[in-house]
PDB file of all heavy atoms in Angstrom:
ATOM      1  N   GLN A   1      18.792 -32.226  11.957  1.00  0.00           N
ATOM      2  CA  GLN A   1      19.542 -31.387  11.037  1.00  0.00           C
ATOM      3  C   GLN A   1      18.637 -30.480  10.190  1.00  0.00           C
ATOM      4  O   GLN A   1      19.093 -29.516   9.633  1.00  0.00           O
ATOM      5  CB  GLN A   1      20.403 -32.265  10.111  1.00  0.00           C
ATOM      6  CG  GLN A   1      21.438 -33.088  10.836  1.00  0.00           C
ATOM      7  CD  GLN A   1      22.408 -32.232  11.619  1.00  0.00           C
ATOM      8  OE1 GLN A   1      22.893 -31.221  11.128  1.00  0.00           O
ATOM      9  NE2 GLN A   1      22.669 -32.598  12.862  1.00  0.00           N
ATOM     10  N   LEU A   2      17.395 -30.844  10.083  1.00  0.00           N
ATOM     11  CA  LEU A   2      16.454 -30.094   9.274  1.00  0.00           C
ATOM     12  C   LEU A   2      16.040 -28.823  10.012  1.00  0.00           C
ATOM     13  O   LEU A   2      15.452 -28.896  11.087  1.00  0.00           O
ATOM     14  CB  LEU A   2      15.225 -30.951   8.967  1.00  0.00           C
ATOM     15  CG  LEU A   2      14.194 -30.361   8.025  1.00  0.00           C
ATOM     16  CD1 LEU A   2      14.792 -30.186   6.624  1.00  0.00           C
ATOM     17  CD2 LEU A   2      12.986 -31.272   7.957  1.00  0.00           C
ATOM     18  N   LYS A   3      16.356 -27.664   9.448  1.00  0.00           N
ATOM     19  CA  LYS A   3      16.001 -26.399  10.085  1.00  0.00           C
ATOM     20  C   LYS A   3      14.787 -25.803   9.375  1.00  0.00           C
ATOM     21  O   LYS A   3      14.761 -25.697   8.154  1.00  0.00           O
ATOM     22  CB  LYS A   3      17.178 -25.426  10.013  1.00  0.00           C
ATOM     23  CG  LYS A   3      18.354 -25.822  10.882  1.00  0.00           C
ATOM     24  CD  LYS A   3      19.518 -24.886  10.659  1.00  0.00           C
ATOM     25  CE  LYS A   3      19.592 -23.861  11.736  1.00  0.00           C
ATOM     26  NZ  LYS A   3      20.741 -22.957  11.541  1.00  0.00           N
ATOM     27  N   ILE A   4      13.805 -25.451  10.178  1.00  0.00           N
ATOM     28  CA  ILE A   4      12.591 -24.839   9.665  1.00  0.00           C
ATOM     29  C   ILE A   4      12.409 -23.512  10.389  1.00  0.00           C
ATOM     30  O   ILE A   4      12.685 -23.410  11.580  1.00  0.00           O
ATOM     31  CB  ILE A   4      11.379 -25.758   9.903  1.00  0.00           C
ATOM     32  CG1 ILE A   4      11.567 -27.077   9.143  1.00  0.00           C
ATOM     33  CG2 ILE A   4      10.092 -25.087   9.484  1.00  0.00           C
ATOM     34  CD1 ILE A   4      10.506 -28.109   9.443  1.00  0.00           C
ATOM     35  N   ALA A   5      11.924 -22.523   9.664  1.00  0.00           N
ATOM     36  CA  ALA A   5      11.707 -21.207  10.268  1.00  0.00           C
ATOM     37  C   ALA A   5      10.414 -20.622   9.707  1.00  0.00           C
ATOM     38  O   ALA A   5       9.824 -21.158   8.779  1.00  0.00           O
ATOM     39  CB  ALA A   5      12.887 -20.286   9.966  1.00  0.00           C
ATOM     40  N   PHE A   6      10.000 -19.525  10.299  1.00  0.00           N
ATOM     41  CA  PHE A   6       8.851 -18.816   9.766  1.00  0.00           C
ATOM     42  C   PHE A   6       9.106 -17.322   9.857  1.00  0.00           C
ATOM     43  O   PHE A   6       9.986 -16.865  10.577  1.00  0.00           O
ATOM     44  CB  PHE A   6       7.554 -19.186  10.505  1.00  0.00           C
ATOM     45  CG  PHE A   6       7.494 -18.701  11.918  1.00  0.00           C
ATOM     46  CD1 PHE A   6       6.944 -17.454  12.208  1.00  0.00           C
ATOM     47  CD2 PHE A   6       7.989 -19.474  12.955  1.00  0.00           C
ATOM     48  CE1 PHE A   6       6.887 -16.994  13.516  1.00  0.00           C
ATOM     49  CE2 PHE A   6       7.925 -19.026  14.261  1.00  0.00           C
ATOM     50  CZ  PHE A   6       7.378 -17.785  14.546  1.00  0.00           C
ATOM     51  N   VAL A   7       8.351 -16.578   9.063  1.00  0.00           N
ATOM     52  CA  VAL A   7       8.406 -15.120   9.110  1.00  0.00           C
ATOM     53  C   VAL A   7       6.978 -14.591   9.230  1.00  0.00           C
ATOM     54  O   VAL A   7       6.023 -15.265   8.881  1.00  0.00           O
ATOM     55  CB  VAL A   7       9.088 -14.512   7.859  1.00  0.00           C
ATOM     56  CG1 VAL A   7      10.548 -14.896   7.790  1.00  0.00           C
ATOM     57  CG2 VAL A   7       8.368 -14.911   6.591  1.00  0.00           C
ATOM     58  N   ARG A   8       6.871 -13.381   9.744  1.00  0.00           N
ATOM     59  CA  ARG A   8       5.595 -12.682   9.821  1.00  0.00           C
ATOM     60  C   ARG A   8       5.711 -11.462   8.925  1.00  0.00           C
ATOM     61  O   ARG A   8       6.205 -10.412   9.319  1.00  0.00           O
ATOM     62  CB  ARG A   8       5.279 -12.294  11.262  1.00  0.00           C
ATOM     63  CG  ARG A   8       5.057 -13.513  12.145  1.00  0.00           C
ATOM     64  CD  ARG A   8       4.879 -13.150  13.606  1.00  0.00           C
ATOM     65  NE  ARG A   8       6.156 -12.643  14.118  1.00  0.00           N
ATOM     66  CZ  ARG A   8       6.262 -11.622  14.953  1.00  0.00           C
ATOM     67  NH1 ARG A   8       5.202 -10.974  15.375  1.00  0.00           N
ATOM     68  NH2 ARG A   8       7.449 -11.242  15.368  1.00  0.00           N
ATOM     69  N   THR A   9       5.275 -11.620   7.701  1.00  0.00           N
ATOM     70  CA  THR A   9       5.463 -10.586   6.685  1.00  0.00           C
ATOM     71  C   THR A   9       4.821  -9.262   7.077  1.00  0.00           C
ATOM     72  O   THR A   9       5.404  -8.198   6.871  1.00  0.00           O
ATOM     73  CB  THR A   9       4.921 -11.060   5.326  1.00  0.00           C
ATOM     74  OG1 THR A   9       5.542 -12.310   5.000  1.00  0.00           O
ATOM     75  CG2 THR A   9       5.244 -10.066   4.233  1.00  0.00           C
ATOM     76  N   GLY A  10       3.614  -9.322   7.633  1.00  0.00           N
ATOM     77  CA  GLY A  10       2.953  -8.077   8.059  1.00  0.00           C
ATOM     78  C   GLY A  10       3.781  -7.318   9.067  1.00  0.00           C
ATOM     79  O   GLY A  10       3.922  -6.089   8.991  1.00  0.00           O
ATOM     80  N   TYR A  11       4.329  -8.036  10.018  1.00  0.00           N
ATOM     81  CA  TYR A  11       5.191  -7.429  11.036  1.00  0.00           C
ATOM     82  C   TYR A  11       6.450  -6.843  10.387  1.00  0.00           C
ATOM     83  O   TYR A  11       6.853  -5.723  10.709  1.00  0.00           O
ATOM     84  CB  TYR A  11       5.549  -8.489  12.072  1.00  0.00           C
ATOM     85  CG  TYR A  11       6.582  -8.041  13.078  1.00  0.00           C
ATOM     86  CD1 TYR A  11       6.238  -7.164  14.100  1.00  0.00           C
ATOM     87  CD2 TYR A  11       7.888  -8.495  13.001  1.00  0.00           C
ATOM     88  CE1 TYR A  11       7.189  -6.754  15.031  1.00  0.00           C
ATOM     89  CE2 TYR A  11       8.836  -8.092  13.926  1.00  0.00           C
ATOM     90  CZ  TYR A  11       8.488  -7.222  14.930  1.00  0.00           C
ATOM     91  OH  TYR A  11       9.421  -6.818  15.836  1.00  0.00           O
ATOM     92  N   ILE A  12       7.051  -7.600   9.483  1.00  0.00           N
ATOM     93  CA  ILE A  12       8.261  -7.111   8.798  1.00  0.00           C
ATOM     94  C   ILE A  12       7.944  -5.837   8.043  1.00  0.00           C
ATOM     95  O   ILE A  12       8.649  -4.829   8.162  1.00  0.00           O
ATOM     96  CB  ILE A  12       8.817  -8.187   7.843  1.00  0.00           C
ATOM     97  CG1 ILE A  12       9.368  -9.379   8.637  1.00  0.00           C
ATOM     98  CG2 ILE A  12       9.903  -7.607   6.938  1.00  0.00           C
ATOM     99  CD1 ILE A  12       9.680 -10.609   7.785  1.00  0.00           C
ATOM    100  N   MET A  13       6.866  -5.862   7.266  1.00  0.00           N
ATOM    101  CA  MET A  13       6.542  -4.706   6.434  1.00  0.00           C
ATOM    102  C   MET A  13       6.169  -3.493   7.278  1.00  0.00           C
ATOM    103  O   MET A  13       6.524  -2.361   6.929  1.00  0.00           O
ATOM    104  CB  MET A  13       5.406  -5.043   5.464  1.00  0.00           C
ATOM    105  CG  MET A  13       5.802  -6.058   4.428  1.00  0.00           C
ATOM    106  SD  MET A  13       7.260  -5.520   3.501  1.00  0.00           S
ATOM    107  CE  MET A  13       7.337  -6.807   2.300  1.00  0.00           C
ATOM    108  N   SER A  14       5.474  -3.718   8.384  1.00  0.00           N
ATOM    109  CA  SER A  14       5.092  -2.578   9.211  1.00  0.00           C
ATOM    110  C   SER A  14       6.307  -1.936   9.876  1.00  0.00           C
ATOM    111  O   SER A  14       6.239  -0.790  10.317  1.00  0.00           O
ATOM    112  CB  SER A  14       4.068  -2.993  10.278  1.00  0.00           C
ATOM    113  OG  SER A  14       4.662  -3.848  11.229  1.00  0.00           O
ATOM    114  N   ASN A  15       7.405  -2.653   9.922  1.00  0.00           N
ATOM    115  CA  ASN A  15       8.637  -2.123  10.508  1.00  0.00           C
ATOM    116  C   ASN A  15       9.696  -1.785   9.466  1.00  0.00           C
ATOM    117  O   ASN A  15      10.842  -1.523   9.820  1.00  0.00           O
ATOM    118  CB  ASN A  15       9.207  -3.133  11.516  1.00  0.00           C
ATOM    119  CG  ASN A  15       8.384  -3.178  12.766  1.00  0.00           C
ATOM    120  OD1 ASN A  15       8.433  -2.268  13.577  1.00  0.00           O
ATOM    121  ND2 ASN A  15       7.586  -4.223  12.913  1.00  0.00           N
ATOM    122  N   TYR A  16       9.303  -1.765   8.201  1.00  0.00           N
ATOM    123  CA  TYR A  16      10.264  -1.496   7.121  1.00  0.00           C
ATOM    124  C   TYR A  16       9.863  -0.197   6.430  1.00  0.00           C
ATOM    125  O   TYR A  16       8.855  -0.132   5.732  1.00  0.00           O
ATOM    126  CB  TYR A  16      10.269  -2.682   6.151  1.00  0.00           C
ATOM    127  CG  TYR A  16      11.338  -2.640   5.094  1.00  0.00           C
ATOM    128  CD1 TYR A  16      12.666  -2.359   5.405  1.00  0.00           C
ATOM    129  CD2 TYR A  16      11.019  -2.894   3.771  1.00  0.00           C
ATOM    130  CE1 TYR A  16      13.639  -2.329   4.430  1.00  0.00           C
ATOM    131  CE2 TYR A  16      11.999  -2.869   2.790  1.00  0.00           C
ATOM    132  CZ  TYR A  16      13.297  -2.589   3.125  1.00  0.00           C
ATOM    133  OH  TYR A  16      14.270  -2.558   2.158  1.00  0.00           O
ATOM    134  N   GLU A  17      10.636   0.827   6.656  1.00  0.00           N
ATOM    135  CA  GLU A  17      10.309   2.173   6.177  1.00  0.00           C
ATOM    136  C   GLU A  17      10.060   2.254   4.669  1.00  0.00           C
ATOM    137  O   GLU A  17       9.102   2.915   4.240  1.00  0.00           O
ATOM    138  CB  GLU A  17      11.393   3.172   6.607  1.00  0.00           C
ATOM    139  CG  GLU A  17      11.077   4.618   6.282  1.00  0.00           C
ATOM    140  CD  GLU A  17       9.853   5.166   6.999  1.00  0.00           C
ATOM    141  OE1 GLU A  17       9.454   4.616   8.043  1.00  0.00           O
ATOM    142  OE2 GLU A  17       9.285   6.162   6.506  1.00  0.00           O
ATOM    143  N   PRO A  18      10.881   1.640   3.826  1.00  0.00           N
ATOM    144  CA  PRO A  18      10.595   1.721   2.384  1.00  0.00           C
ATOM    145  C   PRO A  18       9.191   1.216   2.019  1.00  0.00           C
ATOM    146  O   PRO A  18       8.548   1.750   1.119  1.00  0.00           O
ATOM    147  CB  PRO A  18      11.682   0.851   1.749  1.00  0.00           C
ATOM    148  CG  PRO A  18      12.822   0.949   2.707  1.00  0.00           C
ATOM    149  CD  PRO A  18      12.176   0.976   4.064  1.00  0.00           C
ATOM    150  N   TYR A  19       8.720   0.205   2.730  1.00  0.00           N
ATOM    151  CA  TYR A  19       7.364  -0.294   2.478  1.00  0.00           C
ATOM    152  C   TYR A  19       6.323   0.752   2.885  1.00  0.00           C
ATOM    153  O   TYR A  19       5.382   1.015   2.142  1.00  0.00           O
ATOM    154  CB  TYR A  19       7.116  -1.600   3.227  1.00  0.00           C
ATOM    155  CG  TYR A  19       5.692  -2.088   3.090  1.00  0.00           C
ATOM    156  CD1 TYR A  19       5.262  -2.698   1.923  1.00  0.00           C
ATOM    157  CD2 TYR A  19       4.779  -1.914   4.135  1.00  0.00           C
ATOM    158  CE1 TYR A  19       3.951  -3.129   1.792  1.00  0.00           C
ATOM    159  CE2 TYR A  19       3.477  -2.347   4.008  1.00  0.00           C
ATOM    160  CZ  TYR A  19       3.059  -2.957   2.838  1.00  0.00           C
ATOM    161  OH  TYR A  19       1.769  -3.372   2.708  1.00  0.00           O
ATOM    162  N   ARG A  20       6.492   1.332   4.057  1.00  0.00           N
ATOM    163  CA  ARG A  20       5.534   2.349   4.518  1.00  0.00           C
ATOM    164  C   ARG A  20       5.490   3.530   3.551  1.00  0.00           C
ATOM    165  O   ARG A  20       4.416   4.043   3.233  1.00  0.00           O
ATOM    166  CB  ARG A  20       5.878   2.798   5.939  1.00  0.00           C
ATOM    167  CG  ARG A  20       5.630   1.709   6.979  1.00  0.00           C
ATOM    168  CD  ARG A  20       5.652   2.247   8.406  1.00  0.00           C
ATOM    169  NE  ARG A  20       6.874   2.937   8.756  1.00  0.00           N
ATOM    170  CZ  ARG A  20       7.820   2.449   9.539  1.00  0.00           C
ATOM    171  NH1 ARG A  20       7.703   1.240  10.055  1.00  0.00           N
ATOM    172  NH2 ARG A  20       8.886   3.154   9.823  1.00  0.00           N
ATOM    173  N   VAL A  21       6.649   3.954   3.077  1.00  0.00           N
ATOM    174  CA  VAL A  21       6.709   5.078   2.126  1.00  0.00           C
ATOM    175  C   VAL A  21       6.035   4.692   0.809  1.00  0.00           C
ATOM    176  O   VAL A  21       5.247   5.462   0.255  1.00  0.00           O
ATOM    177  CB  VAL A  21       8.177   5.511   1.897  1.00  0.00           C
ATOM    178  CG1 VAL A  21       8.300   6.478   0.733  1.00  0.00           C
ATOM    179  CG2 VAL A  21       8.757   6.120   3.172  1.00  0.00           C
ATOM    180  N   ALA A  22       6.340   3.494   0.314  1.00  0.00           N
ATOM    181  CA  ALA A  22       5.750   3.039  -0.944  1.00  0.00           C
ATOM    182  C   ALA A  22       4.229   2.949  -0.836  1.00  0.00           C
ATOM    183  O   ALA A  22       3.502   3.363  -1.741  1.00  0.00           O
ATOM    184  CB  ALA A  22       6.341   1.694  -1.354  1.00  0.00           C
ATOM    185  N   MET A  23       3.732   2.413   0.277  1.00  0.00           N
ATOM    186  CA  MET A  23       2.290   2.285   0.449  1.00  0.00           C
ATOM    187  C   MET A  23       1.611   3.643   0.592  1.00  0.00           C
ATOM    188  O   MET A  23       0.521   3.858   0.059  1.00  0.00           O
ATOM    189  CB  MET A  23       1.970   1.404   1.665  1.00  0.00           C
ATOM    190  CG  MET A  23       2.143  -0.072   1.390  1.00  0.00           C
ATOM    191  SD  MET A  23       1.212  -0.692  -0.047  1.00  0.00           S
ATOM    192  CE  MET A  23      -0.473  -0.458   0.495  1.00  0.00           C
ATOM    193  N   LYS A  24       2.237   4.586   1.286  1.00  0.00           N
ATOM    194  CA  LYS A  24       1.653   5.921   1.405  1.00  0.00           C
ATOM    195  C   LYS A  24       1.597   6.585   0.028  1.00  0.00           C
ATOM    196  O   LYS A  24       0.577   7.181  -0.342  1.00  0.00           O
ATOM    197  CB  LYS A  24       2.440   6.797   2.376  1.00  0.00           C
ATOM    198  CG  LYS A  24       1.811   8.188   2.510  1.00  0.00           C
ATOM    199  CD  LYS A  24       2.509   9.080   3.464  1.00  0.00           C
ATOM    200  CE  LYS A  24       1.886  10.429   3.626  1.00  0.00           C
ATOM    201  NZ  LYS A  24       1.040  10.961   2.603  1.00  0.00           N
ATOM    202  N   THR A  25       2.669   6.454  -0.733  1.00  0.00           N
ATOM    203  CA  THR A  25       2.697   7.019  -2.086  1.00  0.00           C
ATOM    204  C   THR A  25       1.609   6.393  -2.938  1.00  0.00           C
ATOM    205  O   THR A  25       0.894   7.090  -3.664  1.00  0.00           O
ATOM    206  CB  THR A  25       4.082   6.796  -2.728  1.00  0.00           C
ATOM    207  OG1 THR A  25       5.077   7.374  -1.878  1.00  0.00           O
ATOM    208  CG2 THR A  25       4.164   7.411  -4.106  1.00  0.00           C
ATOM    209  N   PHE A  26       1.468   5.072  -2.839  1.00  0.00           N
ATOM    210  CA  PHE A  26       0.432   4.397  -3.617  1.00  0.00           C
ATOM    211  C   PHE A  26      -0.963   4.844  -3.193  1.00  0.00           C
ATOM    212  O   PHE A  26      -1.804   5.130  -4.042  1.00  0.00           O
ATOM    213  CB  PHE A  26       0.549   2.871  -3.493  1.00  0.00           C
ATOM    214  CG  PHE A  26      -0.604   2.162  -4.129  1.00  0.00           C
ATOM    215  CD1 PHE A  26      -0.708   2.094  -5.510  1.00  0.00           C
ATOM    216  CD2 PHE A  26      -1.617   1.610  -3.356  1.00  0.00           C
ATOM    217  CE1 PHE A  26      -1.792   1.467  -6.110  1.00  0.00           C
ATOM    218  CE2 PHE A  26      -2.691   0.980  -3.944  1.00  0.00           C
ATOM    219  CZ  PHE A  26      -2.781   0.908  -5.325  1.00  0.00           C
ATOM    220  N   ARG A  27      -1.225   4.900  -1.891  1.00  0.00           N
ATOM    221  CA  ARG A  27      -2.553   5.317  -1.415  1.00  0.00           C
ATOM    222  C   ARG A  27      -2.890   6.732  -1.849  1.00  0.00           C
ATOM    223  O   ARG A  27      -4.034   7.026  -2.220  1.00  0.00           O
ATOM    224  CB  ARG A  27      -2.638   5.180   0.101  1.00  0.00           C
ATOM    225  CG  ARG A  27      -2.812   3.751   0.547  1.00  0.00           C
ATOM    226  CD  ARG A  27      -3.094   3.666   2.050  1.00  0.00           C
ATOM    227  NE  ARG A  27      -2.653   2.388   2.549  1.00  0.00           N
ATOM    228  CZ  ARG A  27      -1.607   2.176   3.328  1.00  0.00           C
ATOM    229  NH1 ARG A  27      -0.872   3.180   3.754  1.00  0.00           N
ATOM    230  NH2 ARG A  27      -1.279   0.961   3.712  1.00  0.00           N
ATOM    231  N   ASP A  28      -1.896   7.629  -1.788  1.00  0.00           N
ATOM    232  CA  ASP A  28      -2.116   9.010  -2.240  1.00  0.00           C
ATOM    233  C   ASP A  28      -2.466   9.028  -3.725  1.00  0.00           C
ATOM    234  O   ASP A  28      -3.378   9.742  -4.155  1.00  0.00           O
ATOM    235  CB  ASP A  28      -0.888   9.869  -1.968  1.00  0.00           C
ATOM    236  CG  ASP A  28      -0.644  10.120  -0.490  1.00  0.00           C
ATOM    237  OD1 ASP A  28      -1.541   9.826   0.338  1.00  0.00           O
ATOM    238  OD2 ASP A  28       0.478  10.575  -0.145  1.00  0.00           O
ATOM    239  N   PHE A  29      -1.740   8.243  -4.511  1.00  0.00           N
ATOM    240  CA  PHE A  29      -2.001   8.155  -5.948  1.00  0.00           C
ATOM    241  C   PHE A  29      -3.399   7.591  -6.201  1.00  0.00           C
ATOM    242  O   PHE A  29      -4.166   8.144  -6.999  1.00  0.00           O
ATOM    243  CB  PHE A  29      -0.934   7.266  -6.625  1.00  0.00           C
ATOM    244  CG  PHE A  29      -1.184   7.035  -8.077  1.00  0.00           C
ATOM    245  CD1 PHE A  29      -0.834   7.995  -9.017  1.00  0.00           C
ATOM    246  CD2 PHE A  29      -1.748   5.845  -8.516  1.00  0.00           C
ATOM    247  CE1 PHE A  29      -1.059   7.779 -10.365  1.00  0.00           C
ATOM    248  CE2 PHE A  29      -1.972   5.619  -9.859  1.00  0.00           C
ATOM    249  CZ  PHE A  29      -1.632   6.585 -10.788  1.00  0.00           C
ATOM    250  N   GLU A  30      -3.735   6.515  -5.507  1.00  0.00           N
ATOM    251  CA  GLU A  30      -5.045   5.878  -5.670  1.00  0.00           C
ATOM    252  C   GLU A  30      -6.168   6.856  -5.323  1.00  0.00           C
ATOM    253  O   GLU A  30      -7.160   6.964  -6.057  1.00  0.00           O
ATOM    254  CB  GLU A  30      -5.121   4.643  -4.784  1.00  0.00           C
ATOM    255  CG  GLU A  30      -6.442   3.907  -4.853  1.00  0.00           C
ATOM    256  CD  GLU A  30      -6.488   2.724  -3.904  1.00  0.00           C
ATOM    257  OE1 GLU A  30      -5.909   2.798  -2.797  1.00  0.00           O
ATOM    258  OE2 GLU A  30      -7.115   1.730  -4.279  1.00  0.00           O
ATOM    259  N   THR A  31      -6.016   7.575  -4.233  1.00  0.00           N
ATOM    260  CA  THR A  31      -7.027   8.548  -3.814  1.00  0.00           C
ATOM    261  C   THR A  31      -7.189   9.641  -4.860  1.00  0.00           C
ATOM    262  O   THR A  31      -8.321   9.994  -5.242  1.00  0.00           O
ATOM    263  CB  THR A  31      -6.653   9.160  -2.446  1.00  0.00           C
ATOM    264  OG1 THR A  31      -6.571   8.103  -1.481  1.00  0.00           O
ATOM    265  CG2 THR A  31      -7.649  10.205  -2.003  1.00  0.00           C
ATOM    266  N   ALA A  32      -6.085  10.171  -5.349  1.00  0.00           N
ATOM    267  CA  ALA A  32      -6.145  11.248  -6.344  1.00  0.00           C
ATOM    268  C   ALA A  32      -6.821  10.772  -7.636  1.00  0.00           C
ATOM    269  O   ALA A  32      -7.693  11.474  -8.187  1.00  0.00           O
ATOM    270  CB  ALA A  32      -4.738  11.769  -6.641  1.00  0.00           C
ATOM    271  N   GLU A  33      -6.442   9.594  -8.113  1.00  0.00           N
ATOM    272  CA  GLU A  33      -7.023   9.080  -9.352  1.00  0.00           C
ATOM    273  C   GLU A  33      -8.508   8.756  -9.184  1.00  0.00           C
ATOM    274  O   GLU A  33      -9.304   9.018 -10.083  1.00  0.00           O
ATOM    275  CB  GLU A  33      -6.260   7.837  -9.827  1.00  0.00           C
ATOM    276  CG  GLU A  33      -4.846   8.120 -10.288  1.00  0.00           C
ATOM    277  CD  GLU A  33      -4.773   9.087 -11.448  1.00  0.00           C
ATOM    278  OE1 GLU A  33      -5.484   8.873 -12.456  1.00  0.00           O
ATOM    279  OE2 GLU A  33      -4.013  10.073 -11.357  1.00  0.00           O
ATOM    280  N   THR A  34      -8.862   8.205  -8.054  1.00  0.00           N
ATOM    281  CA  THR A  34     -10.264   7.875  -7.785  1.00  0.00           C
ATOM    282  C   THR A  34     -11.099   9.144  -7.695  1.00  0.00           C
ATOM    283  O   THR A  34     -12.215   9.205  -8.234  1.00  0.00           O
ATOM    284  CB  THR A  34     -10.371   7.043  -6.484  1.00  0.00           C
ATOM    285  OG1 THR A  34      -9.603   5.853  -6.637  1.00  0.00           O
ATOM    286  CG2 THR A  34     -11.807   6.687  -6.172  1.00  0.00           C
ATOM    287  N   GLU A  35     -10.565  10.162  -7.028  1.00  0.00           N
ATOM    288  CA  GLU A  35     -11.294  11.432  -6.918  1.00  0.00           C
ATOM    289  C   GLU A  35     -11.486  12.081  -8.286  1.00  0.00           C
ATOM    290  O   GLU A  35     -12.563  12.623  -8.569  1.00  0.00           O
ATOM    291  CB  GLU A  35     -10.571  12.383  -5.962  1.00  0.00           C
ATOM    292  CG  GLU A  35     -10.734  11.988  -4.510  1.00  0.00           C
ATOM    293  CD  GLU A  35      -9.926  12.861  -3.556  1.00  0.00           C
ATOM    294  OE1 GLU A  35      -9.194  13.777  -4.002  1.00  0.00           O
ATOM    295  OE2 GLU A  35     -10.020  12.613  -2.332  1.00  0.00           O
ATOM    296  N   LYS A  36     -10.467  12.038  -9.142  1.00  0.00           N
ATOM    297  CA  LYS A  36     -10.603  12.589 -10.499  1.00  0.00           C
ATOM    298  C   LYS A  36     -11.743  11.904 -11.242  1.00  0.00           C
ATOM    299  O   LYS A  36     -12.571  12.556 -11.883  1.00  0.00           O
ATOM    300  CB  LYS A  36      -9.307  12.387 -11.302  1.00  0.00           C
ATOM    301  CG  LYS A  36      -8.201  13.329 -11.006  1.00  0.00           C
ATOM    302  CD  LYS A  36      -7.059  13.042 -11.986  1.00  0.00           C
ATOM    303  CE  LYS A  36      -5.724  13.236 -11.364  1.00  0.00           C
ATOM    304  NZ  LYS A  36      -4.615  12.860 -12.261  1.00  0.00           N
ATOM    305  N   LEU A  37     -11.759  10.587 -11.154  1.00  0.00           N
ATOM    306  CA  LEU A  37     -12.787   9.821 -11.851  1.00  0.00           C
ATOM    307  C   LEU A  37     -14.171  10.083 -11.258  1.00  0.00           C
ATOM    308  O   LEU A  37     -15.157  10.205 -11.992  1.00  0.00           O
ATOM    309  CB  LEU A  37     -12.441   8.329 -11.790  1.00  0.00           C
ATOM    310  CG  LEU A  37     -13.150   7.416 -12.778  1.00  0.00           C
ATOM    311  CD1 LEU A  37     -12.962   7.883 -14.213  1.00  0.00           C
ATOM    312  CD2 LEU A  37     -12.633   5.997 -12.630  1.00  0.00           C
ATOM    313  N   GLN A  38     -14.254  10.220  -9.949  1.00  0.00           N
ATOM    314  CA  GLN A  38     -15.536  10.525  -9.311  1.00  0.00           C
ATOM    315  C   GLN A  38     -16.054  11.890  -9.754  1.00  0.00           C
ATOM    316  O   GLN A  38     -17.254  12.054 -10.005  1.00  0.00           O
ATOM    317  CB  GLN A  38     -15.408  10.476  -7.793  1.00  0.00           C
ATOM    318  CG  GLN A  38     -15.346   9.075  -7.239  1.00  0.00           C
ATOM    319  CD  GLN A  38     -15.105   9.053  -5.727  1.00  0.00           C
ATOM    320  OE1 GLN A  38     -14.620   9.996  -5.146  1.00  0.00           O
ATOM    321  NE2 GLN A  38     -15.449   7.925  -5.117  1.00  0.00           N
ATOM    322  N   LYS A  39     -15.166  12.862  -9.851  1.00  0.00           N
ATOM    323  CA  LYS A  39     -15.582  14.204 -10.297  1.00  0.00           C
ATOM    324  C   LYS A  39     -16.104  14.151 -11.725  1.00  0.00           C
ATOM    325  O   LYS A  39     -17.115  14.791 -12.043  1.00  0.00           O
ATOM    326  CB  LYS A  39     -14.432  15.203 -10.173  1.00  0.00           C
ATOM    327  CG  LYS A  39     -14.153  15.603  -8.749  1.00  0.00           C
ATOM    328  CD  LYS A  39     -13.001  16.572  -8.641  1.00  0.00           C
ATOM    329  CE  LYS A  39     -12.700  16.857  -7.166  1.00  0.00           C
ATOM    330  NZ  LYS A  39     -11.546  17.721  -6.980  1.00  0.00           N
ATOM    331  N   LYS A  40     -15.420  13.390 -12.579  1.00  0.00           N
ATOM    332  CA  LYS A  40     -15.907  13.240 -13.959  1.00  0.00           C
ATOM    333  C   LYS A  40     -17.273  12.578 -13.973  1.00  0.00           C
ATOM    334  O   LYS A  40     -18.146  12.959 -14.754  1.00  0.00           O
ATOM    335  CB  LYS A  40     -14.915  12.422 -14.789  1.00  0.00           C
ATOM    336  CG  LYS A  40     -13.656  13.152 -15.141  1.00  0.00           C
ATOM    337  CD  LYS A  40     -12.735  12.279 -15.977  1.00  0.00           C
ATOM    338  CE  LYS A  40     -11.456  13.010 -16.342  1.00  0.00           C
ATOM    339  NZ  LYS A  40     -10.568  12.186 -17.189  1.00  0.00           N
ATOM    340  N   GLY A  41     -17.466  11.594 -13.104  1.00  0.00           N
ATOM    341  CA  GLY A  41     -18.755  10.917 -13.010  1.00  0.00           C
ATOM    342  C   GLY A  41     -19.851  11.853 -12.532  1.00  0.00           C
ATOM    343  O   GLY A  41     -20.981  11.824 -13.046  1.00  0.00           O
ATOM    344  N   GLU A  42     -19.531  12.688 -11.575  1.00  0.00           N
ATOM    345  CA  GLU A  42     -20.510  13.651 -11.059  1.00  0.00           C
ATOM    346  C   GLU A  42     -20.884  14.671 -12.140  1.00  0.00           C
ATOM    347  O   GLU A  42     -22.063  15.027 -12.294  1.00  0.00           O
ATOM    348  CB  GLU A  42     -19.960  14.354  -9.824  1.00  0.00           C
ATOM    349  CG  GLU A  42     -19.875  13.458  -8.608  1.00  0.00           C
ATOM    350  CD  GLU A  42     -19.054  14.059  -7.468  1.00  0.00           C
ATOM    351  OE1 GLU A  42     -18.607  15.218  -7.578  1.00  0.00           O
ATOM    352  OE2 GLU A  42     -18.854  13.342  -6.460  1.00  0.00           O
ATOM    353  N   LEU A  43     -19.880  15.138 -12.887  1.00  0.00           N
ATOM    354  CA  LEU A  43     -20.162  16.072 -13.992  1.00  0.00           C
ATOM    355  C   LEU A  43     -21.040  15.405 -15.047  1.00  0.00           C
ATOM    356  O   LEU A  43     -21.963  16.028 -15.590  1.00  0.00           O
ATOM    357  CB  LEU A  43     -18.860  16.564 -14.621  1.00  0.00           C
ATOM    358  CG  LEU A  43     -18.031  17.548 -13.803  1.00  0.00           C
ATOM    359  CD1 LEU A  43     -16.685  17.822 -14.472  1.00  0.00           C
ATOM    360  CD2 LEU A  43     -18.800  18.853 -13.617  1.00  0.00           C
ATOM    361  N   PHE A  44     -20.759  14.137 -15.333  1.00  0.00           N
ATOM    362  CA  PHE A  44     -21.573  13.401 -16.301  1.00  0.00           C
ATOM    363  C   PHE A  44     -23.011  13.281 -15.804  1.00  0.00           C
ATOM    364  O   PHE A  44     -23.952  13.507 -16.572  1.00  0.00           O
ATOM    365  CB  PHE A  44     -20.966  12.021 -16.560  1.00  0.00           C
ATOM    366  CG  PHE A  44     -21.818  11.172 -17.451  1.00  0.00           C
ATOM    367  CD1 PHE A  44     -21.906  11.429 -18.808  1.00  0.00           C
ATOM    368  CD2 PHE A  44     -22.552  10.117 -16.921  1.00  0.00           C
ATOM    369  CE1 PHE A  44     -22.710  10.652 -19.627  1.00  0.00           C
ATOM    370  CE2 PHE A  44     -23.360   9.334 -17.729  1.00  0.00           C
ATOM    371  CZ  PHE A  44     -23.439   9.602 -19.090  1.00  0.00           C
TER     372      PHE A  44
END
């Protein structure tokens, strides 16, 4: 009677469009913020 299951979160997320969109948005934001800080560091 005991039912056990498993999920593969990586597989789920790679097939879930909202996750892909959220991660792309985050990566773009991270890249932009990191580049801004690097430019300030180079000027310094």
